[in-house]
Protein backbone atom coordinates (compact mmCIF):
# COMPACT_ATOMS: atom_id res chain seq x y z
CA MET A 1 -58.21 -9.50 -66.57
CA GLU A 2 -55.66 -12.22 -66.98
CA GLU A 3 -53.18 -10.40 -64.70
CA ASP A 4 -55.80 -10.02 -61.96
CA HIS A 5 -56.59 -13.68 -62.20
CA ILE A 6 -52.89 -14.56 -61.78
CA GLU A 7 -52.58 -12.22 -58.78
CA GLU A 8 -55.52 -13.91 -57.09
CA GLN A 9 -53.88 -17.27 -57.59
CA ARG A 10 -50.64 -16.04 -56.05
CA THR A 11 -52.21 -14.52 -52.90
CA PRO A 12 -55.28 -16.40 -51.67
CA PRO A 13 -57.86 -14.32 -49.76
CA SER A 14 -57.40 -16.35 -46.60
CA LEU A 15 -53.63 -15.65 -46.61
CA ARG A 16 -54.17 -11.94 -47.19
CA LEU A 17 -56.56 -11.80 -44.28
CA LYS A 18 -54.06 -13.59 -42.08
CA LEU A 19 -51.30 -11.11 -43.03
CA ILE A 20 -53.60 -8.18 -42.27
CA LYS A 21 -54.33 -9.61 -38.79
CA ILE A 22 -50.62 -10.15 -38.06
CA GLY A 23 -49.83 -6.60 -39.15
CA ALA A 24 -52.60 -5.17 -36.99
CA LEU A 25 -51.52 -7.15 -33.96
CA THR A 26 -47.89 -6.13 -34.44
CA LEU A 27 -48.89 -2.47 -34.70
CA LEU A 28 -51.08 -2.78 -31.61
CA PHE A 29 -48.22 -4.42 -29.69
CA LEU A 30 -45.78 -1.67 -30.60
CA VAL A 31 -48.27 1.07 -29.60
CA ILE A 32 -48.88 -0.61 -26.22
CA PHE A 33 -45.16 -1.24 -25.75
CA PHE A 34 -44.19 2.34 -26.42
CA SER A 35 -47.12 3.76 -24.43
CA VAL A 36 -46.28 1.73 -21.34
CA GLY A 37 -42.61 2.70 -21.69
CA TYR A 38 -43.51 6.35 -22.11
CA ILE A 39 -46.06 6.54 -19.29
CA GLY A 40 -44.35 4.31 -16.75
CA THR A 41 -41.58 5.50 -14.51
CA LYS A 42 -40.21 1.98 -13.95
CA GLY A 43 -40.22 -0.64 -16.71
CA THR A 44 -37.76 -0.30 -19.58
CA SER A 45 -37.04 3.38 -18.84
CA SER A 46 -35.66 2.71 -15.33
CA SER A 47 -32.01 2.34 -14.65
CA SER A 48 -32.63 -1.00 -12.86
CA PHE A 49 -33.96 -2.40 -16.13
CA CYS A 50 -30.52 -1.75 -17.70
CA SER A 51 -28.86 -4.06 -15.13
CA SER A 52 -31.17 -6.92 -16.10
CA CYS A 53 -28.85 -7.46 -19.06
CA HIS A 54 -25.64 -9.14 -17.82
CA GLU A 55 -23.47 -7.15 -20.23
CA MET A 56 -24.70 -3.90 -18.73
CA LYS A 57 -23.82 -4.73 -15.12
CA PRO A 58 -20.49 -2.86 -15.20
CA GLU A 59 -22.25 0.28 -16.45
CA PHE A 60 -25.02 -0.09 -13.90
CA TYR A 61 -22.87 -0.57 -10.78
CA THR A 62 -20.37 2.17 -11.69
CA TRP A 63 -23.30 4.55 -12.32
CA LYS A 64 -24.87 3.55 -9.03
CA ASN A 65 -21.70 4.59 -7.18
CA SER A 66 -21.14 7.81 -9.15
CA SER A 67 -22.10 11.38 -8.41
CA HIS A 68 -24.93 10.93 -10.92
CA ALA A 69 -26.60 7.99 -9.13
CA GLU A 70 -29.76 10.14 -8.64
CA VAL A 71 -30.10 10.57 -12.45
CA ASP A 72 -31.72 7.81 -14.45
CA CYS A 73 -29.82 6.44 -17.44
CA VAL A 74 -32.43 7.69 -19.92
CA SER A 75 -31.96 11.26 -18.66
CA CYS A 76 -28.53 11.33 -20.24
CA HIS A 77 -28.66 8.68 -22.93
CA THR A 78 -32.10 9.53 -24.39
CA GLY A 79 -33.05 12.90 -25.77
CA PRO A 80 -36.30 14.64 -24.70
CA GLY A 81 -39.62 14.00 -26.42
CA PHE A 82 -41.66 11.00 -27.59
CA GLU A 83 -39.69 10.69 -30.83
CA ASN A 84 -36.36 10.13 -29.05
CA LEU A 85 -37.99 7.77 -26.55
CA ALA A 86 -39.48 5.74 -29.42
CA LYS A 87 -36.01 5.46 -30.99
CA GLU A 88 -34.58 4.34 -27.62
CA LYS A 89 -37.27 1.63 -27.34
CA GLY A 90 -36.55 0.47 -30.86
CA ASN A 91 -32.84 0.34 -30.03
CA THR A 92 -33.62 -1.69 -26.90
CA ILE A 93 -35.44 -4.29 -29.01
CA GLU A 94 -32.61 -4.35 -31.52
CA GLN A 95 -29.98 -4.85 -28.86
CA ALA A 96 -32.06 -7.63 -27.26
CA ILE A 97 -32.22 -9.43 -30.60
CA LYS A 98 -28.46 -8.98 -31.17
CA LYS A 99 -27.83 -10.32 -27.63
CA GLN A 100 -29.82 -13.50 -28.29
CA MET A 101 -28.11 -14.02 -31.64
CA LYS A 102 -24.70 -13.02 -30.16
CA LEU A 103 -24.23 -10.34 -32.78
CA TYR A 104 -23.61 -7.39 -30.43
CA GLU A 105 -20.30 -5.56 -30.35
CA ALA A 106 -18.11 -5.68 -27.27
CA PRO A 107 -17.25 -3.70 -25.24
CA ILE A 108 -20.62 -2.00 -25.17
CA ARG A 109 -20.36 1.65 -26.13
CA MET A 110 -22.95 4.35 -26.68
CA PRO A 111 -23.38 5.15 -30.40
CA LYS A 112 -22.68 8.80 -29.66
CA GLU A 113 -21.45 11.02 -26.87
CA ILE A 114 -23.81 12.60 -24.32
CA PRO A 115 -24.93 15.95 -25.80
CA ASP A 116 -24.37 19.13 -23.84
CA SER A 117 -28.14 19.67 -23.73
CA ALA A 118 -28.43 16.66 -21.41
CA CYS A 119 -25.94 18.17 -18.95
CA GLU A 120 -27.49 21.62 -19.21
CA SER A 121 -30.92 20.24 -18.30
CA CYS A 122 -29.54 20.09 -14.73
CA HIS A 123 -26.47 22.31 -14.70
CA ASN A 124 -26.38 26.01 -15.38
CA ILE A 125 -23.21 26.44 -17.44
CA ASN A 126 -23.36 30.24 -17.25
CA THR A 127 -22.97 30.30 -13.46
CA ARG A 128 -20.88 27.17 -12.87
CA ASN A 129 -17.44 28.66 -12.19
CA PHE A 130 -15.92 26.74 -9.28
CA THR A 131 -15.47 23.09 -8.53
CA PRO A 132 -16.13 21.69 -4.98
CA SER A 133 -12.42 22.05 -4.04
CA GLY A 134 -12.97 25.80 -3.75
CA ASP A 135 -9.53 26.61 -5.17
CA LEU A 136 -9.97 25.89 -8.87
CA ILE A 137 -11.19 28.57 -11.29
CA ILE A 138 -13.11 26.87 -14.10
CA PRO A 139 -15.42 29.26 -15.98
CA HIS A 140 -17.65 26.79 -17.80
CA ASP A 141 -19.25 29.47 -19.94
CA LYS A 142 -15.88 30.48 -21.40
CA HIS A 143 -15.08 26.87 -22.20
CA LYS A 144 -18.42 26.47 -23.95
CA SER A 145 -17.85 29.64 -25.99
CA GLU A 146 -14.61 28.04 -27.23
CA GLY A 147 -16.51 25.02 -28.53
CA ILE A 148 -15.45 22.63 -25.72
CA SER A 149 -18.11 20.02 -25.02
CA CYS A 150 -18.90 18.70 -21.54
CA MET A 151 -17.68 15.21 -22.49
CA GLN A 152 -14.18 16.46 -23.35
CA CYS A 153 -13.58 16.91 -19.62
CA HIS A 154 -16.27 14.80 -17.93
CA SER A 155 -16.43 11.57 -19.97
CA GLY A 156 -15.74 9.44 -16.87
CA VAL A 157 -18.18 11.08 -14.45
CA ALA A 158 -20.77 8.29 -14.53
CA HIS A 159 -18.85 5.15 -15.45
CA GLY A 160 -15.14 5.82 -14.74
CA LYS A 161 -14.17 5.13 -18.35
CA ILE A 162 -14.49 1.37 -17.85
CA ALA A 163 -14.92 0.73 -21.57
CA ASP A 164 -11.70 2.60 -22.41
CA ARG A 165 -9.97 0.70 -19.64
CA LYS A 166 -11.15 -2.59 -21.19
CA MET A 167 -12.85 -3.66 -18.00
CA THR A 168 -16.06 -4.71 -19.77
CA PHE A 169 -14.81 -6.86 -22.65
CA GLN A 170 -15.28 -10.58 -21.96
CA SER A 171 -15.71 -9.73 -18.33
CA ASP A 172 -17.04 -12.08 -15.63
CA TYR A 173 -20.26 -10.16 -15.24
CA GLU A 174 -21.30 -12.14 -12.18
CA LYS A 175 -18.55 -10.53 -10.14
CA TRP A 176 -19.96 -7.05 -10.64
CA ASP A 177 -21.70 -5.64 -7.57
CA ASP A 178 -21.94 -2.49 -5.44
CA LEU A 179 -18.54 -3.11 -3.80
CA LEU A 180 -16.70 -3.48 -7.09
CA GLY A 181 -18.49 -0.49 -8.56
CA LYS A 182 -17.57 1.62 -5.56
CA SER A 183 -13.85 0.65 -5.67
CA ILE A 184 -13.66 1.53 -9.39
CA MET A 185 -15.34 4.93 -9.01
CA GLU A 186 -13.02 5.82 -6.13
CA GLU A 187 -10.13 6.07 -8.66
CA THR A 188 -10.69 9.74 -9.25
CA LYS A 189 -8.18 10.03 -12.11
CA PHE A 190 -10.67 8.14 -14.29
CA VAL A 191 -13.74 10.01 -12.95
CA LYS A 192 -12.62 13.66 -12.82
CA PRO A 193 -10.39 15.64 -15.18
CA ASP A 194 -6.87 15.89 -13.78
CA MET A 195 -4.25 18.60 -14.27
CA SER A 196 -2.78 16.90 -17.32
CA THR A 197 -6.19 17.00 -19.05
CA CYS A 198 -6.35 20.75 -18.52
CA MET A 199 -2.73 21.44 -19.45
CA ASP A 200 -2.77 19.37 -22.61
CA CYS A 201 -5.84 21.27 -23.84
CA HIS A 202 -4.44 24.65 -22.84
CA LYS A 203 -1.20 23.98 -24.72
CA LEU A 204 -3.06 22.97 -27.87
CA ARG A 205 -5.27 26.03 -27.73
CA ASN A 206 -2.54 28.44 -26.56
CA ALA A 207 -4.55 29.16 -23.41
CA PRO A 208 -2.83 30.50 -20.24
CA LEU A 209 -0.45 28.09 -18.46
CA GLU A 210 0.26 30.08 -15.32
CA CYS A 211 -0.84 28.59 -11.98
CA THR A 212 -2.92 31.68 -11.22
CA ALA A 213 -4.96 31.10 -14.40
CA CYS A 214 -6.67 28.12 -12.73
CA HIS A 215 -5.88 28.34 -9.00
CA THR A 216 -6.86 31.08 -6.60
CA THR A 217 -4.23 30.16 -3.98
CA GLY A 218 -1.44 28.98 -6.24
CA MET A 219 -1.70 25.48 -4.73
CA TYR A 220 1.72 25.77 -3.03
CA PRO A 221 2.61 22.56 -1.12
CA GLU A 222 3.41 22.94 2.58
CA THR A 223 7.12 22.22 1.93
CA HIS A 224 7.27 25.16 -0.48
CA GLN A 225 6.15 27.53 2.23
CA GLU A 226 9.10 26.80 4.51
CA LYS A 227 11.71 29.57 4.74
CA THR A 228 14.57 27.25 3.96
CA PHE A 229 12.90 25.69 0.91
CA LYS A 230 14.11 28.05 -1.82
CA LEU A 231 17.77 28.29 -0.92
CA LYS A 232 18.51 25.08 1.03
CA THR A 233 16.05 22.18 0.89
CA HIS A 234 14.33 22.13 -2.51
CA GLY A 235 17.23 20.32 -4.16
CA SER A 236 17.28 17.49 -1.62
CA GLN A 237 13.49 17.17 -1.89
CA ALA A 238 13.75 16.90 -5.68
CA GLU A 239 16.32 14.16 -5.27
CA LYS A 240 13.90 12.13 -3.17
CA ASP A 241 10.80 12.59 -5.33
CA LEU A 242 11.58 14.18 -8.68
CA LYS A 243 8.43 12.67 -10.19
CA LYS A 244 6.29 14.74 -7.78
CA CYS A 245 8.14 17.91 -8.77
CA ASN A 246 7.69 17.18 -12.43
CA GLU A 247 3.90 16.87 -12.12
CA CYS A 248 3.65 20.67 -11.82
CA HIS A 249 6.95 22.07 -13.06
CA SER A 250 7.02 20.21 -16.38
CA ASP A 251 4.08 22.40 -17.51
CA MET A 252 5.93 25.53 -16.43
CA SER A 253 8.86 24.93 -18.73
CA LYS A 254 8.91 26.64 -22.09
CA GLU A 255 10.76 23.67 -23.55
CA LYS A 256 9.53 20.09 -23.39
CA VAL A 257 10.98 18.13 -20.43
CA ASP A 258 11.41 14.39 -21.01
CA GLY A 259 13.04 11.48 -19.26
CA PHE A 260 12.28 12.37 -15.65
CA GLU A 261 9.30 10.09 -15.09
CA GLU A 262 9.87 7.37 -12.50
CA VAL A 263 10.28 3.90 -14.02
CA ARG A 264 8.95 1.00 -11.99
CA GLY A 265 8.41 -2.74 -12.12
CA LEU A 266 8.37 -4.45 -15.48
CA ASP A 267 9.02 -1.20 -17.34
CA LYS A 268 12.29 -0.78 -15.46
CA PHE A 269 13.26 -4.35 -16.38
CA LEU A 270 12.41 -3.91 -20.04
CA LYS A 271 14.28 -0.59 -20.24
CA GLN A 272 17.43 -1.84 -18.54
CA ASN A 273 19.47 -1.41 -21.72
CA GLN A 274 18.27 2.10 -22.36
CA LYS A 275 19.73 5.35 -21.13
CA PRO A 276 19.74 5.77 -17.34
CA GLN A 277 17.07 7.89 -15.76
CA LYS A 278 18.02 11.55 -15.50
CA SER A 279 18.80 13.06 -12.15
CA HIS A 280 17.40 16.17 -10.41
CA TYR A 281 20.61 17.96 -11.41
CA ASP A 282 19.80 17.35 -15.07
CA TYR A 283 16.23 18.49 -14.43
CA ALA A 284 17.42 21.85 -13.02
CA LYS A 285 19.43 22.46 -16.22
CA GLU A 286 16.70 21.41 -18.68
CA ASN A 287 13.55 22.91 -17.23
CA THR A 288 13.48 26.58 -18.22
CA TYR A 289 11.33 27.40 -15.19
CA CYS A 290 14.35 26.68 -12.99
CA LEU A 291 16.41 29.34 -14.85
CA ALA A 292 14.73 32.15 -13.02
CA CYS A 293 16.94 31.27 -10.06
CA HIS A 294 19.65 28.99 -11.41
CA ALA A 295 20.85 31.44 -14.07
CA LYS A 296 21.72 33.98 -11.40
CA ARG A 297 25.28 33.97 -10.06
CA PRO A 298 25.20 32.49 -6.53
CA GLU A 299 26.26 34.73 -3.62
CA SER A 300 29.15 32.35 -2.92
CA HIS A 301 30.66 33.13 -6.33
CA THR A 302 32.53 36.28 -5.19
CA SER A 303 35.67 37.75 -6.80
CA TYR A 304 37.69 35.30 -4.64
CA PHE A 305 35.57 32.34 -5.67
CA MET A 306 38.12 30.93 -8.14
CA ILE A 307 40.60 30.57 -5.31
CA GLU A 308 38.04 29.25 -2.83
CA HIS A 309 35.88 27.05 -5.06
CA GLY A 310 38.06 23.95 -4.62
CA GLY A 311 37.37 23.84 -0.91
CA LEU A 312 33.65 24.49 -1.44
CA ALA A 313 33.45 21.74 -4.03
CA LYS A 314 35.05 19.30 -1.58
CA GLU A 315 32.38 20.14 1.00
CA ASN A 316 29.51 19.39 -1.39
CA GLU A 317 30.73 18.37 -4.83
CA LYS A 318 27.29 17.36 -6.07
CA LYS A 319 25.91 20.82 -5.39
CA CYS A 320 28.04 22.17 -8.22
CA LEU A 321 26.34 19.82 -10.65
CA ALA A 322 23.08 21.74 -10.42
CA CYS A 323 24.71 24.15 -12.90
CA HIS A 324 27.99 22.57 -14.05
CA GLU A 325 29.19 19.31 -15.59
CA TYR A 326 32.26 17.27 -14.82
CA ASN A 327 33.52 16.84 -18.36
CA ASN A 328 33.20 18.76 -21.63
CA ILE A 329 31.37 22.03 -21.99
CA ALA A 330 28.11 22.17 -20.10
CA ASN A 331 25.53 22.43 -22.87
CA THR A 332 22.75 23.86 -20.74
CA PRO A 333 20.83 27.18 -20.60
CA VAL A 334 22.40 27.81 -17.18
CA THR A 335 26.14 27.94 -17.83
CA THR A 336 28.83 26.80 -20.27
CA PRO A 337 31.92 26.25 -18.04
CA SER A 338 32.44 22.72 -16.79
CA CYS A 339 35.04 21.29 -14.41
CA ASN A 340 37.05 20.08 -17.39
CA THR A 341 37.10 23.61 -18.80
CA CYS A 342 39.71 24.61 -16.27
CA HIS A 343 40.83 21.16 -15.05
CA PRO A 344 41.81 19.16 -18.10
CA SER A 345 43.88 16.05 -17.48
CA SER A 346 46.50 17.38 -19.83
CA HIS A 347 47.03 20.31 -22.25
CA ARG A 348 48.85 18.13 -24.72
CA ASN A 349 47.07 17.61 -28.07
CA LYS A 350 43.91 19.35 -26.79
CA PRO A 351 42.41 22.70 -27.86
CA TRP A 352 42.63 24.08 -24.34
CA ARG A 353 43.11 27.70 -25.50
CA GLU A 354 39.73 27.64 -27.24
CA ARG A 355 37.97 26.50 -24.08
CA HIS A 356 39.83 28.81 -21.73
CA PRO A 357 37.30 31.11 -19.95
CA VAL A 358 39.69 34.06 -20.37
CA PRO A 359 40.76 34.90 -23.97
CA LEU A 360 44.40 33.98 -24.71
CA SER A 361 46.67 34.85 -27.55
CA PRO A 362 48.23 32.01 -29.64
CA THR A 363 51.66 32.82 -28.10
CA GLN A 364 50.50 33.23 -24.51
CA LYS A 365 53.07 31.91 -21.95
CA LEU A 366 52.61 30.91 -18.33
CA GLN A 367 52.93 33.91 -16.00
CA GLN A 368 52.33 34.68 -12.34
CA SER A 369 48.79 35.90 -12.95
CA CYS A 370 47.83 32.38 -14.10
CA TYR A 371 48.10 31.26 -10.48
CA THR A 372 45.10 33.33 -9.59
CA CYS A 373 43.12 30.30 -10.75
CA HIS A 374 45.63 27.55 -11.34
CA ASN A 375 47.57 25.48 -8.81
CA GLN A 376 51.20 26.59 -8.92
CA PRO A 377 52.81 23.37 -7.68
CA LYS A 378 50.96 21.33 -10.23
CA CYS A 379 51.71 23.69 -13.10
CA ALA A 380 55.40 23.92 -12.11
CA GLY A 381 55.83 20.23 -12.81
CA CYS A 382 55.81 20.99 -16.54
CA HIS A 383 56.34 24.73 -16.68
CA ALA A 384 59.22 25.15 -14.26
CA GLU A 385 61.71 26.46 -16.81
CA ASN A 386 59.19 28.85 -18.38
CA THR A 387 58.29 30.19 -14.93
CA LYS A 388 61.95 30.98 -14.08
CA LYS A 389 62.47 32.85 -17.33
CA GLU A 390 59.32 34.91 -16.88
CA ASN A 391 60.22 35.77 -13.31
């Protein structure tokens, strides 16, 4: 009895009645709020409502200029059913409170990725095999069976990865409009998966790397279809734009190819003390794809080539560098002889016998057969006496 008397003193009847009224009104407000949101097609469930928050303008205008502009935000960011919609409304209230109290995190990110079920509500994964280009082979059902989610390839389809690009953090939200949204979504490398996205994943999963695995036509550039390309012009084209060549051929090499990316602007200035950028000659010797042709003995290298090669080298000395080096042994998969292998500045105090392309005995002397390759007047300057004795 004493405890009940104390409880009545702590909570007067008038206060309890007031609390009951507040609770009832709050519950009624929430029911009306959720009902209106659930029944209405505009209101808080519309995409235009999202743009009413300044911080969401970047997301709104990029979405508006995307291929998914016909799809409302809630179709992707809210799961089906009343329960998910209720959670979304509750999250809207929570974010509104955080905004007023300046407690929200920036840049704004969704708490989780878009589930595959949202994509599959519109797209039939089992029949979606080709992209609009008509050349690409992308069997979506096979990718799904390997556990690859839609977002692994298509994370930029609606917003162009603006959060990852740090375009939304402390941004001037007033500058965001249709024109800016359109210009951002026109940068397709942030909207669609590019070749590097596919190749990186294929390498990690040991999936096919051949061109024909993804392309029906092989995607050969027009320059590659010219008759003179293979034997005459591909080297000069690589010299002009090696970066372009590397975009495809780096993925065709069995060994990793580094150091052939074009360096520009500030990066070039900051890297001025580093090793110089490699040339297209180096590329031909390091990319194993090039070996299919470069490892074959050229037609010009006949049995008389050793006698004739000096004149050929004078005509186009750089052409030799596609396989050979000037100095030391050419440490490449193509060939080991270098110019210095046969043309050392001097034999004195150098292991020239070990590097000689033809095996020599430790007591080998100069003889007439040496002049098959060597220049007799030059050799005679030091070996005149030996030559007379041998003759």
